[in-house]
């Protein structure tokens, strides 16, 4: 079963983050044999680090990263989780991408590799997380 990857892991590696790059690269390397994947939301978030989509595609290919379409069931679940977040007093309106990422992994039955597990644990408590 492939492991879904959150954008923060990939951005850590790309930016050589002084705190997280080593942990994130090691986690990617350890999980690559099972297959690693992301969805179009993560692809878009990571794309800001590249000048062209060809460069981004080459980098993803080098990682062996598959980009998976988000099933409708995950889109529905993401919207429901976001509404729950807002009703609990969540103020950020830009959180929806995290809910797409969590819902996609949840519906796929795939673990999610992230270094920011708090929101995923709250809104997707049955989602398996690989986190520090």
N, C-alpha and C. Protein backbone atom coordinates (compact mmCIF):
# COMPACT_ATOMS: atom_id res chain seq x y z
N UNK A 1 0.84 -1.18 0.00
CA UNK A 1 0.00 0.00 0.00
C UNK A 1 0.89 1.25 0.00
N UNK A 2 0.55 2.19 -0.83
CA UNK A 2 1.36 3.40 -0.90
C UNK A 2 1.09 4.30 0.30
N UNK A 3 2.06 5.12 0.59
CA UNK A 3 1.97 6.11 1.65
C UNK A 3 1.70 7.46 1.00
N UNK A 4 0.68 8.17 1.48
CA UNK A 4 0.41 9.51 0.98
C UNK A 4 1.33 10.49 1.69
N UNK A 5 1.78 11.50 0.97
CA UNK A 5 2.77 12.44 1.49
C UNK A 5 2.19 13.85 1.51
N UNK A 6 2.32 14.50 2.66
CA UNK A 6 1.90 15.89 2.84
C UNK A 6 2.95 16.82 2.22
N UNK A 7 2.52 17.98 1.78
CA UNK A 7 3.41 18.93 1.12
C UNK A 7 4.56 19.37 2.02
N UNK A 8 4.32 19.47 3.32
CA UNK A 8 5.40 19.97 4.19
C UNK A 8 6.63 19.07 4.15
N UNK A 9 6.44 17.78 3.96
CA UNK A 9 7.57 16.85 3.86
C UNK A 9 8.41 17.17 2.62
N UNK A 10 7.74 17.36 1.51
CA UNK A 10 8.44 17.62 0.25
C UNK A 10 9.11 18.99 0.26
N UNK A 11 8.44 19.97 0.83
CA UNK A 11 9.02 21.32 0.91
C UNK A 11 10.23 21.33 1.84
N UNK A 12 10.19 20.54 2.91
CA UNK A 12 11.37 20.43 3.79
C UNK A 12 12.58 19.98 3.00
N UNK A 13 12.38 18.96 2.17
CA UNK A 13 13.49 18.40 1.39
C UNK A 13 13.96 19.41 0.34
N UNK A 14 13.03 20.00 -0.37
CA UNK A 14 13.38 20.96 -1.42
C UNK A 14 14.11 22.18 -0.87
N UNK A 15 13.68 22.66 0.26
CA UNK A 15 14.26 23.88 0.82
C UNK A 15 15.44 23.60 1.74
N UNK A 16 15.76 22.32 1.91
CA UNK A 16 16.81 21.90 2.83
C UNK A 16 16.60 22.55 4.20
N UNK A 17 15.37 22.42 4.69
CA UNK A 17 15.00 23.02 5.96
C UNK A 17 15.98 22.58 7.05
N UNK A 18 16.56 23.54 7.78
CA UNK A 18 17.59 23.19 8.77
C UNK A 18 17.09 22.32 9.91
N UNK A 19 15.81 22.37 10.21
CA UNK A 19 15.26 21.57 11.31
C UNK A 19 14.70 20.25 10.81
N UNK A 20 13.98 20.26 9.68
CA UNK A 20 13.19 19.11 9.27
C UNK A 20 13.69 18.34 8.05
N UNK A 21 14.62 18.88 7.27
CA UNK A 21 15.02 18.22 6.02
C UNK A 21 15.51 16.79 6.24
N UNK A 22 16.34 16.56 7.21
CA UNK A 22 16.88 15.21 7.44
C UNK A 22 15.78 14.24 7.82
N UNK A 23 14.91 14.64 8.75
CA UNK A 23 13.81 13.76 9.17
C UNK A 23 12.90 13.45 7.99
N UNK A 24 12.54 14.48 7.22
CA UNK A 24 11.62 14.30 6.09
C UNK A 24 12.23 13.42 5.00
N UNK A 25 13.49 13.64 4.67
CA UNK A 25 14.14 12.83 3.65
C UNK A 25 14.25 11.37 4.12
N UNK A 26 14.60 11.17 5.37
CA UNK A 26 14.68 9.81 5.91
C UNK A 26 13.31 9.13 5.86
N UNK A 27 12.26 9.85 6.24
CA UNK A 27 10.90 9.28 6.21
C UNK A 27 10.48 8.93 4.79
N UNK A 28 10.80 9.80 3.83
CA UNK A 28 10.50 9.49 2.42
C UNK A 28 11.24 8.24 1.98
N UNK A 29 12.52 8.16 2.30
CA UNK A 29 13.35 7.03 1.91
C UNK A 29 12.85 5.73 2.52
N UNK A 30 12.48 5.76 3.80
CA UNK A 30 11.98 4.57 4.47
C UNK A 30 10.66 4.08 3.88
N UNK A 31 9.83 5.01 3.41
CA UNK A 31 8.50 4.64 2.92
C UNK A 31 8.44 4.43 1.41
N UNK A 32 9.47 4.83 0.69
CA UNK A 32 9.47 4.69 -0.77
C UNK A 32 9.26 3.26 -1.25
N UNK A 33 9.83 2.24 -0.58
CA UNK A 33 9.60 0.87 -1.07
C UNK A 33 8.12 0.46 -1.08
N UNK A 34 7.30 1.07 -0.25
CA UNK A 34 5.86 0.78 -0.24
C UNK A 34 5.12 1.57 -1.31
N UNK A 35 5.79 2.53 -1.92
CA UNK A 35 5.18 3.44 -2.87
C UNK A 35 4.78 4.72 -2.16
N UNK A 36 5.10 5.84 -2.76
CA UNK A 36 4.71 7.12 -2.19
C UNK A 36 3.85 7.86 -3.21
N UNK A 37 2.86 8.56 -2.69
CA UNK A 37 1.91 9.24 -3.56
C UNK A 37 1.45 10.53 -2.91
N UNK A 38 0.94 11.41 -3.74
CA UNK A 38 0.31 12.63 -3.25
C UNK A 38 -0.88 12.92 -4.15
N UNK A 39 -1.62 13.95 -3.79
CA UNK A 39 -2.75 14.32 -4.63
C UNK A 39 -2.48 15.67 -5.29
N UNK A 40 -3.37 16.13 -6.16
CA UNK A 40 -3.13 17.39 -6.88
C UNK A 40 -2.97 18.61 -5.97
N UNK A 41 -3.54 18.57 -4.77
CA UNK A 41 -3.37 19.69 -3.84
C UNK A 41 -1.92 19.80 -3.42
N UNK A 42 -1.31 18.68 -3.06
CA UNK A 42 0.10 18.66 -2.68
C UNK A 42 0.96 19.06 -3.87
N UNK A 43 0.64 18.52 -5.03
CA UNK A 43 1.36 18.88 -6.27
C UNK A 43 1.36 20.39 -6.45
N UNK A 44 0.20 21.02 -6.28
CA UNK A 44 0.09 22.48 -6.44
C UNK A 44 0.88 23.22 -5.37
N UNK A 45 0.81 22.76 -4.12
CA UNK A 45 1.54 23.43 -3.04
C UNK A 45 3.05 23.36 -3.28
N UNK A 46 3.53 22.24 -3.76
CA UNK A 46 4.97 22.07 -4.00
C UNK A 46 5.42 22.79 -5.26
N UNK A 47 4.52 23.00 -6.19
CA UNK A 47 4.88 23.59 -7.48
C UNK A 47 5.50 24.99 -7.36
N UNK A 48 5.21 25.69 -6.28
CA UNK A 48 5.77 27.04 -6.13
C UNK A 48 7.29 27.03 -6.03
N UNK A 49 7.86 25.88 -5.74
CA UNK A 49 9.31 25.75 -5.63
C UNK A 49 10.00 25.55 -6.98
N UNK A 50 9.23 25.44 -8.07
CA UNK A 50 9.78 25.11 -9.38
C UNK A 50 9.41 26.18 -10.41
N UNK A 51 10.26 26.33 -11.42
CA UNK A 51 9.99 27.29 -12.49
C UNK A 51 9.04 26.74 -13.54
N UNK A 52 9.07 25.43 -13.77
CA UNK A 52 8.21 24.83 -14.79
C UNK A 52 7.60 23.53 -14.25
N UNK A 53 6.46 23.15 -14.83
CA UNK A 53 5.87 21.89 -14.39
C UNK A 53 6.71 20.71 -14.86
N UNK A 54 7.48 20.89 -15.94
CA UNK A 54 8.38 19.82 -16.38
C UNK A 54 9.45 19.54 -15.31
N UNK A 55 9.99 20.61 -14.72
CA UNK A 55 10.97 20.43 -13.64
C UNK A 55 10.35 19.73 -12.44
N UNK A 56 9.15 20.15 -12.09
CA UNK A 56 8.44 19.51 -10.97
C UNK A 56 8.18 18.04 -11.27
N UNK A 57 7.72 17.75 -12.47
CA UNK A 57 7.44 16.36 -12.85
C UNK A 57 8.71 15.51 -12.80
N UNK A 58 9.83 16.06 -13.26
CA UNK A 58 11.10 15.32 -13.20
C UNK A 58 11.48 15.02 -11.75
N UNK A 59 11.29 15.99 -10.87
CA UNK A 59 11.63 15.80 -9.46
C UNK A 59 10.72 14.72 -8.85
N UNK A 60 9.42 14.82 -9.11
CA UNK A 60 8.49 13.80 -8.61
C UNK A 60 8.86 12.42 -9.17
N UNK A 61 9.16 12.35 -10.44
CA UNK A 61 9.55 11.07 -11.05
C UNK A 61 10.80 10.51 -10.38
N UNK A 62 11.75 11.38 -10.08
CA UNK A 62 12.98 10.95 -9.40
C UNK A 62 12.70 10.37 -8.02
N UNK A 63 11.68 10.87 -7.36
CA UNK A 63 11.29 10.34 -6.05
C UNK A 63 10.47 9.06 -6.18
N UNK A 64 9.93 8.84 -7.38
CA UNK A 64 8.98 7.74 -7.55
C UNK A 64 7.60 8.10 -7.02
N UNK A 65 7.31 9.40 -6.99
CA UNK A 65 6.06 9.91 -6.44
C UNK A 65 4.94 9.86 -7.47
N UNK A 66 3.88 9.17 -7.13
CA UNK A 66 2.68 9.15 -7.98
C UNK A 66 1.77 10.30 -7.56
N UNK A 67 1.10 10.91 -8.52
CA UNK A 67 0.10 11.93 -8.23
C UNK A 67 -1.26 11.31 -8.51
N UNK A 68 -2.04 11.16 -7.45
CA UNK A 68 -3.32 10.45 -7.52
C UNK A 68 -4.47 11.45 -7.58
N UNK A 69 -5.47 11.14 -8.38
CA UNK A 69 -6.68 11.95 -8.38
C UNK A 69 -7.43 11.74 -7.07
N UNK A 70 -8.13 12.77 -6.64
CA UNK A 70 -8.90 12.69 -5.40
C UNK A 70 -10.29 12.15 -5.71
N UNK A 71 -10.66 11.02 -5.10
CA UNK A 71 -11.99 10.47 -5.34
C UNK A 71 -13.08 11.38 -4.77
N UNK A 72 -14.26 11.30 -5.36
CA UNK A 72 -15.37 12.13 -4.91
C UNK A 72 -15.70 11.91 -3.44
N UNK A 73 -15.58 10.69 -2.96
CA UNK A 73 -15.86 10.42 -1.55
C UNK A 73 -14.91 11.22 -0.65
N UNK A 74 -13.66 11.38 -1.08
CA UNK A 74 -12.70 12.15 -0.30
C UNK A 74 -13.03 13.64 -0.37
N UNK A 75 -13.47 14.13 -1.51
CA UNK A 75 -13.86 15.53 -1.63
C UNK A 75 -15.01 15.83 -0.68
N UNK A 76 -15.97 14.93 -0.62
CA UNK A 76 -17.12 15.08 0.27
C UNK A 76 -16.66 15.09 1.73
N UNK A 77 -15.82 14.13 2.10
CA UNK A 77 -15.31 14.04 3.47
C UNK A 77 -14.50 15.28 3.83
N UNK A 78 -13.71 15.79 2.91
CA UNK A 78 -12.92 17.01 3.17
C UNK A 78 -13.83 18.19 3.49
N UNK A 79 -14.89 18.34 2.73
CA UNK A 79 -15.82 19.45 2.97
C UNK A 79 -16.49 19.31 4.33
N UNK A 80 -16.88 18.09 4.69
CA UNK A 80 -17.53 17.86 5.99
C UNK A 80 -16.56 18.15 7.14
N UNK A 81 -15.32 17.75 7.01
CA UNK A 81 -14.32 18.02 8.04
C UNK A 81 -14.07 19.52 8.16
N UNK A 82 -14.03 20.21 7.03
CA UNK A 82 -13.79 21.66 7.05
C UNK A 82 -14.95 22.38 7.72
N UNK A 83 -16.17 21.95 7.45
CA UNK A 83 -17.33 22.56 8.11
C UNK A 83 -17.25 22.34 9.62
N UNK A 84 -16.88 21.15 10.03
CA UNK A 84 -16.73 20.84 11.45
C UNK A 84 -15.68 21.75 12.09
N UNK A 85 -14.57 21.94 11.40
CA UNK A 85 -13.51 22.82 11.86
C UNK A 85 -14.03 24.25 12.06
N UNK A 86 -14.74 24.75 11.08
CA UNK A 86 -15.27 26.12 11.16
C UNK A 86 -16.29 26.24 12.30
N UNK A 87 -17.13 25.24 12.48
CA UNK A 87 -18.13 25.27 13.56
C UNK A 87 -17.49 25.21 14.94
N UNK A 88 -16.31 24.64 15.03
CA UNK A 88 -15.58 24.59 16.30
C UNK A 88 -14.81 25.89 16.56
N UNK A 89 -14.98 26.85 15.67
CA UNK A 89 -14.34 28.15 15.87
C UNK A 89 -13.08 28.36 15.07
N UNK A 90 -12.77 27.43 14.17
CA UNK A 90 -11.58 27.60 13.33
C UNK A 90 -11.69 28.86 12.49
N UNK A 91 -10.67 29.68 12.53
CA UNK A 91 -10.73 30.98 11.86
C UNK A 91 -10.07 31.00 10.50
N UNK A 92 -9.10 30.14 10.30
CA UNK A 92 -8.39 30.15 9.02
C UNK A 92 -9.30 29.62 7.92
N UNK A 93 -9.44 30.37 6.86
CA UNK A 93 -10.25 29.90 5.74
C UNK A 93 -9.40 29.14 4.73
N UNK A 94 -8.08 29.16 4.89
CA UNK A 94 -7.21 28.48 3.94
C UNK A 94 -6.85 27.07 4.37
N UNK A 95 -7.59 26.51 5.30
CA UNK A 95 -7.28 25.17 5.79
C UNK A 95 -7.81 24.06 4.90
N UNK A 96 -8.67 24.37 3.98
CA UNK A 96 -9.30 23.35 3.16
C UNK A 96 -8.29 22.41 2.48
N UNK A 97 -7.15 22.89 1.99
CA UNK A 97 -6.19 21.94 1.39
C UNK A 97 -5.79 20.82 2.34
N UNK A 98 -5.59 21.10 3.62
CA UNK A 98 -5.25 20.04 4.57
C UNK A 98 -6.35 19.00 4.66
N UNK A 99 -7.59 19.46 4.57
CA UNK A 99 -8.70 18.52 4.64
C UNK A 99 -8.78 17.65 3.38
N UNK A 100 -8.45 18.21 2.22
CA UNK A 100 -8.38 17.40 0.99
C UNK A 100 -7.30 16.31 1.15
N UNK A 101 -6.17 16.68 1.71
CA UNK A 101 -5.05 15.75 1.87
C UNK A 101 -5.42 14.64 2.85
N UNK A 102 -5.96 15.01 4.00
CA UNK A 102 -6.34 14.02 5.00
C UNK A 102 -7.46 13.11 4.54
N UNK A 103 -8.49 13.70 3.93
CA UNK A 103 -9.63 12.90 3.46
C UNK A 103 -9.21 11.93 2.37
N UNK A 104 -8.32 12.38 1.48
CA UNK A 104 -7.87 11.49 0.40
C UNK A 104 -7.15 10.28 0.98
N UNK A 105 -6.24 10.51 1.91
CA UNK A 105 -5.53 9.39 2.53
C UNK A 105 -6.50 8.48 3.27
N UNK A 106 -7.46 9.08 3.95
CA UNK A 106 -8.45 8.31 4.71
C UNK A 106 -9.26 7.40 3.80
N UNK A 107 -9.80 7.96 2.72
CA UNK A 107 -10.63 7.19 1.79
C UNK A 107 -9.78 6.11 1.08
N UNK A 108 -8.52 6.43 0.81
CA UNK A 108 -7.64 5.46 0.15
C UNK A 108 -7.17 4.37 1.10
N UNK A 109 -7.37 4.58 2.40
CA UNK A 109 -6.88 3.61 3.37
C UNK A 109 -5.37 3.61 3.46
N UNK A 110 -4.76 4.76 3.16
CA UNK A 110 -3.31 4.88 3.13
C UNK A 110 -2.82 5.70 4.33
N UNK A 111 -1.67 5.34 4.88
CA UNK A 111 -1.09 6.19 5.91
C UNK A 111 -0.67 7.53 5.31
N UNK A 112 -0.63 8.56 6.14
CA UNK A 112 -0.21 9.89 5.69
C UNK A 112 1.08 10.26 6.37
N UNK A 113 2.09 10.59 5.58
CA UNK A 113 3.37 11.05 6.07
C UNK A 113 3.30 12.57 6.18
N UNK A 114 3.38 13.09 7.39
CA UNK A 114 3.30 14.53 7.64
C UNK A 114 4.11 14.86 8.87
N UNK A 115 4.55 16.10 8.99
CA UNK A 115 5.18 16.51 10.24
C UNK A 115 4.29 17.49 11.00
N UNK A 116 3.05 17.61 10.55
CA UNK A 116 2.08 18.48 11.19
C UNK A 116 0.80 17.69 11.46
N UNK A 117 0.85 16.77 12.44
CA UNK A 117 -0.25 15.82 12.60
C UNK A 117 -1.48 16.32 13.36
N UNK A 118 -1.42 17.45 14.04
CA UNK A 118 -2.49 17.85 14.96
C UNK A 118 -3.86 17.92 14.29
N UNK A 119 -3.98 18.63 13.19
CA UNK A 119 -5.29 18.77 12.54
C UNK A 119 -5.77 17.43 12.00
N UNK A 120 -4.86 16.63 11.47
CA UNK A 120 -5.26 15.32 10.95
C UNK A 120 -5.77 14.44 12.07
N UNK A 121 -5.12 14.47 13.23
CA UNK A 121 -5.57 13.66 14.37
C UNK A 121 -6.94 14.10 14.86
N UNK A 122 -7.19 15.39 14.81
CA UNK A 122 -8.46 15.91 15.29
C UNK A 122 -9.61 15.57 14.36
N UNK A 123 -9.42 15.77 13.06
CA UNK A 123 -10.53 15.65 12.11
C UNK A 123 -10.58 14.31 11.38
N UNK A 124 -9.51 13.55 11.45
CA UNK A 124 -9.46 12.21 10.85
C UNK A 124 -8.84 11.25 11.86
N UNK A 125 -9.52 11.03 12.99
CA UNK A 125 -8.91 10.26 14.08
C UNK A 125 -8.56 8.83 13.72
N UNK A 126 -9.16 8.27 12.70
CA UNK A 126 -8.84 6.89 12.30
C UNK A 126 -7.74 6.81 11.24
N UNK A 127 -7.26 7.96 10.81
CA UNK A 127 -6.21 8.00 9.79
C UNK A 127 -4.86 7.63 10.42
N UNK A 128 -4.19 6.68 9.81
CA UNK A 128 -2.84 6.31 10.27
C UNK A 128 -1.87 7.40 9.85
N UNK A 129 -1.12 7.92 10.82
CA UNK A 129 -0.16 8.98 10.53
C UNK A 129 1.26 8.49 10.76
N UNK A 130 2.15 8.95 9.91
CA UNK A 130 3.59 8.76 10.10
C UNK A 130 4.11 10.17 10.35
N UNK A 131 4.47 10.43 11.59
CA UNK A 131 4.82 11.80 11.99
C UNK A 131 5.90 11.73 13.07
N UNK A 132 6.61 12.84 13.23
CA UNK A 132 7.62 12.87 14.32
C UNK A 132 6.97 12.76 15.69
